Amino acid sequence: MQRPADQTDQAPVVIDVNDVSLVYPTADHPVTALSHVNLTIRKGDFVSFIGPSGCGKTTLMRAIADLEHPTSGTLQVNGGTAEQARLDRAYGYVFQAPTLYAWRNVWRNVMLPLEIMGLPKYEREERAAKAIALVGLSGFEKKFPWQLSGGMQQRVSIARALSFEPNMLLMDEPFGALDEITRDRLNDELLRLWKQTGKTVIFVTHSITEAVYLSTKIVVMSARPGRIVDVIESPLPRDRDAGTRDTAAFLEVAHKVREALAEGHAHDV
């Protein structure tokens, strides 16, 4: 499949994974989490990692974030090491759970990384207000996490990740615990954010529909040892809505993802 017209191959490479393997030592025998993974992600891509539980999706994302360290191979982020990208605050990380501080309201939760960075008060307030507005929570600044729905809590988590204006957003199944209606709504909100900010997004999911709806590129992974079975480029335009899921192009991409998942499973049984 061809990359959409507005996502050309001329965009600079921001993540380059070259023959990366990651092995965890254990008491009885080593566990291979990633096996000879190769992947290129360009600026402005929305890339979803999909595969069965334990296939290394989150491990690969954590390696990009310098939270895990490959046993072999090379991994570059923004042309340098993953460690340097972390130190440069090149990415915001959104976890499966919102991980908000219960004693801080929305405003102060979003402010937290800006306080840690030591930014002046006026700049912290400006950035926090902008991030809260981006996720549609203006007017909720004084609410505490227990006063918000699960979807709203996750929006706060996204706002916090956006507050220090990173180039990339890494999202580890951020909507997995939400009901389908809320999940669909937040998928639309995330697409709006992506189009508005132009950030590179890496997104871990178990949902084929979610991966196809959101992504310009879908990375299909096999069961452990985690390896990439296929990288599927999406022909869908950036402007997507609920009706996109009923189009022939959408169904074709979903079928290709299912075939790749089945192929990965067949090779591992």
Protein backbone atom coordinates (compact mmCIF):
# COMPACT_ATOMS: atom_id res chain seq x y z
CA MET A 1 0.00 0.00 0.00
CA GLN A 2 1.10 3.54 -0.69
CA ARG A 3 1.62 6.16 1.99
CA PRO A 4 -1.14 8.81 1.92
CA ALA A 5 -0.34 11.80 -0.27
CA ASP A 6 0.21 14.06 2.74
CA GLN A 7 2.65 11.60 4.34
CA THR A 8 5.54 11.44 1.88
CA ASP A 9 8.73 9.44 2.20
CA GLN A 10 10.60 12.77 2.25
CA ALA A 11 9.72 13.32 5.92
CA PRO A 12 12.82 12.93 8.12
CA VAL A 13 13.39 9.69 10.01
CA VAL A 14 12.83 10.20 13.74
CA ILE A 15 13.14 6.58 14.92
CA ASP A 16 15.47 4.00 13.37
CA VAL A 17 15.45 0.49 14.87
CA ASN A 18 18.14 -1.72 13.35
CA ASP A 19 18.32 -5.46 14.14
CA VAL A 20 17.33 -4.90 17.78
CA SER A 21 16.99 -7.85 20.13
CA LEU A 22 16.25 -7.70 23.85
CA VAL A 23 16.77 -10.64 26.17
CA TYR A 24 15.82 -10.72 29.86
CA PRO A 25 18.02 -12.93 32.06
CA THR A 26 16.01 -15.12 34.46
CA ALA A 27 16.85 -17.73 37.10
CA ASP A 28 16.18 -20.72 34.81
CA HIS A 29 16.64 -19.53 31.21
CA PRO A 30 16.79 -16.23 29.28
CA VAL A 31 13.54 -14.78 27.88
CA THR A 32 13.72 -13.17 24.45
CA ALA A 33 11.30 -10.23 24.39
CA LEU A 34 12.39 -8.81 21.02
CA SER A 35 14.11 -10.66 18.20
CA HIS A 36 15.91 -8.88 15.32
CA VAL A 37 13.46 -5.99 15.01
CA ASN A 38 13.88 -3.49 12.19
CA LEU A 39 11.65 -0.43 11.91
CA THR A 40 11.74 3.11 10.51
CA ILE A 41 9.34 5.80 11.71
CA ARG A 42 9.18 9.21 10.03
CA LYS A 43 8.21 12.58 11.39
CA GLY A 44 4.42 13.00 11.53
CA ASP A 45 3.66 9.28 11.30
CA PHE A 46 0.95 7.76 13.49
CA VAL A 47 2.26 4.24 14.10
CA SER A 48 0.36 1.53 15.96
CA PHE A 49 1.99 -1.59 17.40
CA ILE A 50 -0.44 -4.51 17.48
CA GLY A 51 -0.04 -8.17 18.42
CA PRO A 52 -0.98 -10.73 21.07
CA SER A 53 -0.28 -10.17 24.76
CA GLY A 54 3.38 -10.65 25.59
CA CYS A 55 4.59 -10.05 22.02
CA GLY A 56 6.88 -7.18 22.93
CA LYS A 57 4.77 -4.19 21.83
CA THR A 58 5.28 -2.27 25.05
CA THR A 59 8.87 -3.48 25.34
CA LEU A 60 9.67 -1.99 21.93
CA MET A 61 8.03 1.30 22.91
CA ARG A 62 9.91 1.33 26.22
CA ALA A 63 13.18 0.73 24.36
CA ILE A 64 12.43 3.76 22.17
CA ALA A 65 11.78 5.71 25.39
CA ASP A 66 15.08 4.50 26.93
CA LEU A 67 13.17 2.65 29.66
CA GLU A 68 14.48 -0.70 28.37
CA HIS A 69 17.87 -1.36 26.82
CA PRO A 70 18.44 -3.62 23.79
CA THR A 71 20.78 -6.56 24.19
CA SER A 72 21.99 -6.17 20.60
CA GLY A 73 21.37 -3.98 17.56
CA THR A 74 21.07 -0.20 17.39
CA LEU A 75 18.22 2.19 18.11
CA GLN A 76 18.32 5.87 17.18
CA VAL A 77 15.82 8.58 18.10
CA ASN A 78 16.09 11.96 16.36
CA GLY A 79 19.46 10.90 14.96
CA GLY A 80 20.98 10.21 18.38
CA THR A 81 20.64 7.73 21.21
CA ALA A 82 17.38 6.94 22.97
CA GLU A 83 19.03 8.15 26.18
CA GLN A 84 19.76 11.56 24.67
CA ALA A 85 16.18 11.84 23.38
CA ARG A 86 14.92 11.11 26.90
CA LEU A 87 17.23 13.71 28.41
CA ASP A 88 16.11 16.19 25.75
CA ARG A 89 12.46 15.46 26.67
CA ALA A 90 11.78 14.62 23.03
CA TYR A 91 8.70 12.54 23.87
CA GLY A 92 5.71 12.48 26.18
CA TYR A 93 4.68 9.08 27.56
CA VAL A 94 1.05 8.15 28.25
CA PHE A 95 0.59 4.96 30.30
CA GLN A 96 -2.32 2.49 30.33
CA ALA A 97 -3.62 4.06 33.54
CA PRO A 98 -3.80 7.84 33.92
CA THR A 99 -1.33 7.81 36.89
CA LEU A 100 -2.60 11.13 38.24
CA TYR A 101 -1.87 12.40 41.73
CA ALA A 102 -5.13 12.28 43.71
CA TRP A 103 -4.21 15.33 45.81
CA ARG A 104 -3.51 17.51 42.75
CA ASN A 105 -6.31 18.98 40.66
CA VAL A 106 -6.25 18.95 36.86
CA TRP A 107 -4.26 22.18 36.69
CA ARG A 108 -1.57 21.01 39.10
CA ASN A 109 -1.32 17.51 37.56
CA VAL A 110 -0.65 19.03 34.16
CA MET A 111 1.78 21.49 35.75
CA LEU A 112 3.90 18.77 37.38
CA PRO A 113 6.48 18.13 34.61
CA LEU A 114 6.81 21.88 34.06
CA GLU A 115 7.57 22.36 37.75
CA ILE A 116 10.19 19.61 37.57
CA MET A 117 11.74 21.36 34.55
CA GLY A 118 11.98 24.55 36.62
CA LEU A 119 10.18 26.75 34.12
CA PRO A 120 9.11 30.23 35.25
CA LYS A 121 5.57 30.50 36.59
CA TYR A 122 4.19 32.48 33.64
CA GLU A 123 5.51 29.89 31.17
CA ARG A 124 4.18 26.98 33.22
CA GLU A 125 0.74 28.55 33.30
CA GLU A 126 0.77 29.35 29.58
CA ARG A 127 1.80 25.82 28.59
CA ALA A 128 -0.60 24.13 31.00
CA ALA A 129 -3.53 26.21 29.77
CA LYS A 130 -2.67 25.41 26.15
CA ALA A 131 -2.38 21.65 26.83
CA ILE A 132 -5.65 21.54 28.80
CA ALA A 133 -7.42 23.38 25.98
CA LEU A 134 -5.99 20.96 23.40
CA VAL A 135 -7.64 18.00 25.13
CA GLY A 136 -10.94 19.83 25.60
CA LEU A 137 -10.81 20.21 29.39
CA SER A 138 -10.90 23.99 29.74
CA GLY A 139 -13.19 24.74 32.69
CA PHE A 140 -12.19 21.57 34.56
CA GLU A 141 -8.87 22.88 35.88
CA LYS A 142 -9.95 22.81 39.53
CA LYS A 143 -11.44 19.30 39.44
CA PHE A 144 -9.63 16.44 41.17
CA PRO A 145 -9.12 13.03 39.53
CA TRP A 146 -11.87 11.39 41.62
CA GLN A 147 -14.32 13.95 40.21
CA LEU A 148 -13.59 12.95 36.60
CA SER A 149 -14.66 10.02 34.43
CA GLY A 150 -12.06 7.52 33.23
CA GLY A 151 -11.97 9.14 29.82
CA MET A 152 -11.47 12.60 31.28
CA GLN A 153 -8.68 11.33 33.53
CA GLN A 154 -6.89 9.95 30.50
CA ARG A 155 -7.29 13.31 28.77
CA VAL A 156 -5.52 14.91 31.72
CA SER A 157 -2.73 12.36 31.32
CA ILE A 158 -2.42 13.27 27.63
CA ALA A 159 -2.43 16.99 28.47
CA ARG A 160 0.38 16.41 30.96
CA ALA A 161 2.40 14.59 28.28
CA LEU A 162 1.81 17.47 25.85
CA SER A 163 2.53 20.24 28.35
CA PHE A 164 6.30 20.34 27.80
CA GLU A 165 5.78 20.33 24.00
CA PRO A 166 7.60 17.11 23.01
CA ASN A 167 8.10 16.12 19.37
CA MET A 168 6.68 12.64 19.92
CA LEU A 169 3.85 11.08 21.89
CA LEU A 170 4.27 7.46 23.07
CA MET A 171 0.98 5.89 24.16
CA ASP A 172 0.75 2.45 25.78
CA GLU A 173 -2.86 1.22 25.38
CA PRO A 174 -4.21 4.48 26.81
CA PHE A 175 -7.85 3.64 26.07
CA GLY A 176 -7.80 -0.11 26.73
CA ALA A 177 -9.76 0.06 30.01
CA LEU A 178 -12.51 2.34 28.66
CA ASP A 179 -15.93 1.39 27.30
CA GLU A 180 -16.29 1.27 23.52
CA ILE A 181 -18.30 4.51 23.23
CA THR A 182 -15.77 6.50 25.26
CA ARG A 183 -12.91 4.84 23.41
CA ASP A 184 -14.32 5.81 20.01
CA ARG A 185 -14.78 9.40 21.15
CA LEU A 186 -11.21 9.60 22.44
CA ASN A 187 -9.93 8.06 19.21
CA ASP A 188 -11.52 10.99 17.38
CA GLU A 189 -10.03 13.44 19.89
CA LEU A 190 -6.59 11.89 19.44
CA LEU A 191 -6.83 12.18 15.64
CA ARG A 192 -7.77 15.83 16.06
CA LEU A 193 -4.77 16.41 18.30
CA TRP A 194 -2.45 14.60 15.90
CA LYS A 195 -3.61 16.67 12.93
CA GLN A 196 -3.47 19.89 14.94
CA THR A 197 0.01 19.39 16.40
CA GLY A 198 1.76 17.37 13.69
CA LYS A 199 3.46 15.21 16.31
CA THR A 200 4.79 11.74 15.68
CA VAL A 201 2.62 9.25 17.61
CA ILE A 202 3.47 5.67 18.60
CA PHE A 203 0.47 3.80 19.92
CA VAL A 204 0.21 0.32 21.45
CA THR A 205 -3.15 -1.45 21.09
CA HIS A 206 -4.83 -4.86 20.99
CA SER A 207 -7.66 -3.57 18.81
CA ILE A 208 -7.51 -4.05 15.04
CA THR A 209 -10.25 -1.46 14.51
CA GLU A 210 -8.44 1.11 16.65
CA ALA A 211 -5.10 0.48 14.94
CA VAL A 212 -6.58 0.85 11.45
CA TYR A 213 -8.69 3.89 12.32
CA LEU A 214 -5.82 5.86 13.87
CA SER A 215 -2.70 4.91 11.97
CA THR A 216 -0.68 5.82 8.92
CA LYS A 217 1.40 2.71 9.60
CA ILE A 218 0.50 -0.50 11.46
CA VAL A 219 3.31 -2.66 12.87
CA VAL A 220 2.10 -6.23 13.35
CA MET A 221 4.08 -8.30 15.86
CA SER A 222 4.22 -12.01 16.57
CA ALA A 223 4.00 -13.80 19.89
CA ARG A 224 7.22 -14.08 21.90
CA PRO A 225 9.94 -13.88 20.86
CA GLY A 226 8.64 -10.54 19.63
CA ARG A 227 9.37 -9.87 16.00
CA ILE A 228 7.73 -7.79 13.29
CA VAL A 229 5.57 -9.88 10.98
CA ASP A 230 4.51 -7.02 8.69
CA VAL A 231 4.42 -3.24 8.44
CA ILE A 232 1.22 -2.15 6.74
CA GLU A 233 1.04 1.35 5.23
CA SER A 234 -2.46 2.80 5.33
CA PRO A 235 -4.04 4.50 2.29
CA LEU A 236 -6.64 6.25 4.47
CA PRO A 237 -6.65 10.07 4.42
CA ARG A 238 -5.85 12.02 7.56
CA ASP A 239 -9.40 13.32 7.74
CA ARG A 240 -11.32 10.38 9.21
CA ASP A 241 -14.65 10.03 10.98
CA ALA A 242 -17.00 7.27 12.11
CA GLY A 243 -18.01 6.58 8.51
CA THR A 244 -14.40 5.75 7.63
CA ARG A 245 -14.79 2.40 9.39
CA ASP A 246 -17.41 1.35 6.82
CA THR A 247 -15.33 2.11 3.73
CA ALA A 248 -13.82 -0.54 1.49
CA ALA A 249 -10.32 0.86 2.08
CA PHE A 250 -10.71 0.54 5.85
CA LEU A 251 -12.00 -3.03 5.61
CA GLU A 252 -9.15 -3.96 3.28
CA VAL A 253 -6.51 -2.70 5.72
CA ALA A 254 -8.25 -4.47 8.63
CA HIS A 255 -8.22 -7.70 6.60
CA LYS A 256 -4.48 -7.34 5.96
CA VAL A 257 -3.84 -6.82 9.67
CA ARG A 258 -5.85 -9.94 10.55
CA GLU A 259 -3.93 -11.96 7.95
CA ALA A 260 -0.60 -10.75 9.34
CA LEU A 261 -1.65 -11.57 12.92
CA ALA A 262 -2.73 -15.05 11.80
CA GLU A 263 0.57 -15.53 9.99
CA GLY A 264 2.52 -14.54 13.09
CA HIS A 265 0.51 -16.96 15.19
CA ALA A 266 0.95 -19.80 12.67
CA HIS A 267 4.73 -19.42 12.76
CA ASP A 268 4.80 -19.57 16.54
CA VAL A 269 2.68 -22.68 17.16
